[in-house]
C-alpha cells in the first residue's frame, strides 16, 4: 500500500501517527 500526503494538517497528523507507532497498522510503515 502506498500513502501519499501533503502539508495539510490532517495529512501530517495521520502520517505522524502511523510513522511513530501511535496507531496500529496492518502493514509495516517505513
PDB file of N, CA and C in Angstrom:
ATOM      1  N   UNK A   1       0.846  -1.155   0.000  1.00  0.00           N
ATOM      2  CA  UNK A   1       0.000   0.000   0.000  1.00  0.00           C
ATOM      3  C   UNK A   1       0.900   1.230   0.000  1.00  0.00           C
ATOM      4  N   UNK A   2       0.521   2.227  -0.742  1.00  0.00           N
ATOM      5  CA  UNK A   2       1.239   3.497  -0.733  1.00  0.00           C
ATOM      6  C   UNK A   2       0.344   4.563  -0.131  1.00  0.00           C
ATOM      7  N   UNK A   3       0.959   5.432   0.644  1.00  0.00           N
ATOM      8  CA  UNK A   3       0.234   6.516   1.280  1.00  0.00           C
ATOM      9  C   UNK A   3       0.879   7.820   0.847  1.00  0.00           C
ATOM     10  N   UNK A   4       0.089   8.685   0.265  1.00  0.00           N
ATOM     11  CA  UNK A   4       0.593   9.996  -0.113  1.00  0.00           C
ATOM     12  C   UNK A   4       0.030  11.027   0.846  1.00  0.00           C
ATOM     13  N   UNK A   5       0.814  12.051   1.089  1.00  0.00           N
ATOM     14  CA  UNK A   5       0.316  13.101   1.976  1.00  0.00           C
ATOM     15  C   UNK A   5       0.842  14.458   1.540  1.00  0.00           C
ATOM     16  N   UNK A   6       0.169  15.476   1.992  1.00  0.00           N
ATOM     17  CA  UNK A   6       0.560  16.846   1.674  1.00  0.00           C
ATOM     18  C   UNK A   6       0.897  17.562   2.981  1.00  0.00           C
ATOM     19  N   UNK A   7       1.074  18.853   2.910  1.00  0.00           N
ATOM     20  CA  UNK A   7       1.357  19.626   4.118  1.00  0.00           C
ATOM     21  C   UNK A   7       0.086  20.047   4.851  1.00  0.00           C
ATOM     22  N   UNK A   8      -1.040  19.528   4.426  1.00  0.00           N
ATOM     23  CA  UNK A   8      -2.307  19.776   5.114  1.00  0.00           C
ATOM     24  C   UNK A   8      -2.191  19.219   6.542  1.00  0.00           C
ATOM     25  N   UNK A   9      -2.639  19.945   7.552  1.00  0.00           N
ATOM     26  CA  UNK A   9      -2.533  19.454   8.933  1.00  0.00           C
ATOM     27  C   UNK A   9      -3.142  18.069   9.145  1.00  0.00           C
ATOM     28  N   UNK A  10      -4.228  17.757   8.477  1.00  0.00           N
ATOM     29  CA  UNK A  10      -4.830  16.429   8.629  1.00  0.00           C
ATOM     30  C   UNK A  10      -3.900  15.343   8.111  1.00  0.00           C
ATOM     31  N   UNK A  11      -3.251  15.580   6.981  1.00  0.00           N
ATOM     32  CA  UNK A  11      -2.337  14.593   6.409  1.00  0.00           C
ATOM     33  C   UNK A  11      -1.116  14.390   7.302  1.00  0.00           C
ATOM     34  N   UNK A  12      -0.537  15.474   7.796  1.00  0.00           N
ATOM     35  CA  UNK A  12       0.659  15.337   8.626  1.00  0.00           C
ATOM     36  C   UNK A  12       0.322  14.669   9.960  1.00  0.00           C
ATOM     37  N   UNK A  13      -0.856  14.913  10.489  1.00  0.00           N
ATOM     38  CA  UNK A  13      -1.297  14.267  11.723  1.00  0.00           C
ATOM     39  C   UNK A  13      -1.380  12.757  11.524  1.00  0.00           C
ATOM     40  N   UNK A  14      -1.987  12.329  10.426  1.00  0.00           N
ATOM     41  CA  UNK A  14      -2.125  10.899  10.133  1.00  0.00           C
ATOM     42  C   UNK A  14      -0.757  10.266   9.906  1.00  0.00           C
ATOM     43  N   UNK A  15       0.109  10.930   9.121  1.00  0.00           N
ATOM     44  CA  UNK A  15       1.428  10.383   8.834  1.00  0.00           C
ATOM     45  C   UNK A  15       2.250  10.246  10.114  1.00  0.00           C
ATOM     46  N   UNK A  16       2.213  11.246  10.974  1.00  0.00           N
ATOM     47  CA  UNK A  16       2.954  11.183  12.241  1.00  0.00           C
ATOM     48  C   UNK A  16       2.488   9.984  13.065  1.00  0.00           C
ATOM     49  N   UNK A  17       1.192   9.826  13.195  1.00  0.00           N
ATOM     50  CA  UNK A  17       0.653   8.727  13.997  1.00  0.00           C
ATOM     51  C   UNK A  17       1.095   7.370  13.452  1.00  0.00           C
ATOM     52  N   UNK A  18       1.057   7.193  12.145  1.00  0.00           N
ATOM     53  CA  UNK A  18       1.481   5.926  11.548  1.00  0.00           C
ATOM     54  C   UNK A  18       2.984   5.705  11.685  1.00  0.00           C
ATOM     55  N   UNK A  19       3.767   6.719  11.388  1.00  0.00           N
ATOM     56  CA  UNK A  19       5.220   6.544  11.374  1.00  0.00           C
ATOM     57  C   UNK A  19       5.833   6.441  12.768  1.00  0.00           C
ATOM     58  N   UNK A  20       5.124   6.878  13.794  1.00  0.00           N
ATOM     59  CA  UNK A  20       5.637   6.799  15.159  1.00  0.00           C
ATOM     60  C   UNK A  20       4.943   5.721  15.992  1.00  0.00           C
ATOM     61  N   UNK A  21       4.186   4.832  15.339  1.00  0.00           N
ATOM     62  CA  UNK A  21       3.573   3.714  16.039  1.00  0.00           C
ATOM     63  C   UNK A  21       2.468   4.098  17.002  1.00  0.00           C
ATOM     64  N   UNK A  22       1.834   5.237  16.784  1.00  0.00           N
ATOM     65  CA  UNK A  22       0.758   5.684  17.672  1.00  0.00           C
ATOM     66  C   UNK A  22      -0.550   4.951  17.399  1.00  0.00           C
ATOM     67  N   UNK A  23      -0.688   4.409  16.202  1.00  0.00           N
ATOM     68  CA  UNK A  23      -1.864   3.618  15.829  1.00  0.00           C
ATOM     69  C   UNK A  23      -1.381   2.322  15.202  1.00  0.00           C
ATOM     70  N   UNK A  24      -2.169   1.282  15.326  1.00  0.00           N
ATOM     71  CA  UNK A  24      -1.816   0.001  14.723  1.00  0.00           C
ATOM     72  C   UNK A  24      -2.073   0.057  13.226  1.00  0.00           C
ATOM     73  N   UNK A  25      -1.139  -0.459  12.458  1.00  0.00           N
ATOM     74  CA  UNK A  25      -1.287  -0.529  11.007  1.00  0.00           C
ATOM     75  C   UNK A  25      -1.204  -1.998  10.601  1.00  0.00           C
ATOM     76  N   UNK A  26      -1.984  -2.421   9.605  1.00  0.00           N
ATOM     77  CA  UNK A  26      -1.963  -3.825   9.188  1.00  0.00           C
ATOM     78  C   UNK A  26      -0.666  -4.215   8.488  1.00  0.00           C
ATOM     79  N   UNK A  27       0.154  -3.238   8.126  1.00  0.00           N
ATOM     80  CA  UNK A  27       1.438  -3.491   7.464  1.00  0.00           C
ATOM     81  C   UNK A  27       2.504  -2.614   8.114  1.00  0.00           C
ATOM     82  N   UNK A  28       3.779  -2.932   7.862  1.00  0.00           N
ATOM     83  CA  UNK A  28       4.874  -2.125   8.398  1.00  0.00           C
ATOM     84  C   UNK A  28       4.912  -0.769   7.709  1.00  0.00           C
ATOM     85  N   UNK A  29       5.090   0.268   8.470  1.00  0.00           N
ATOM     86  CA  UNK A  29       5.192   1.623   7.921  1.00  0.00           C
ATOM     87  C   UNK A  29       6.653   2.037   7.991  1.00  0.00           C
ATOM     88  N   UNK A  30       7.199   2.417   6.832  1.00  0.00           N
ATOM     89  CA  UNK A  30       8.614   2.817   6.770  1.00  0.00           C
ATOM     90  C   UNK A  30       8.722   4.297   6.595  1.00  0.00           C
TER      91      UNK A  30
END
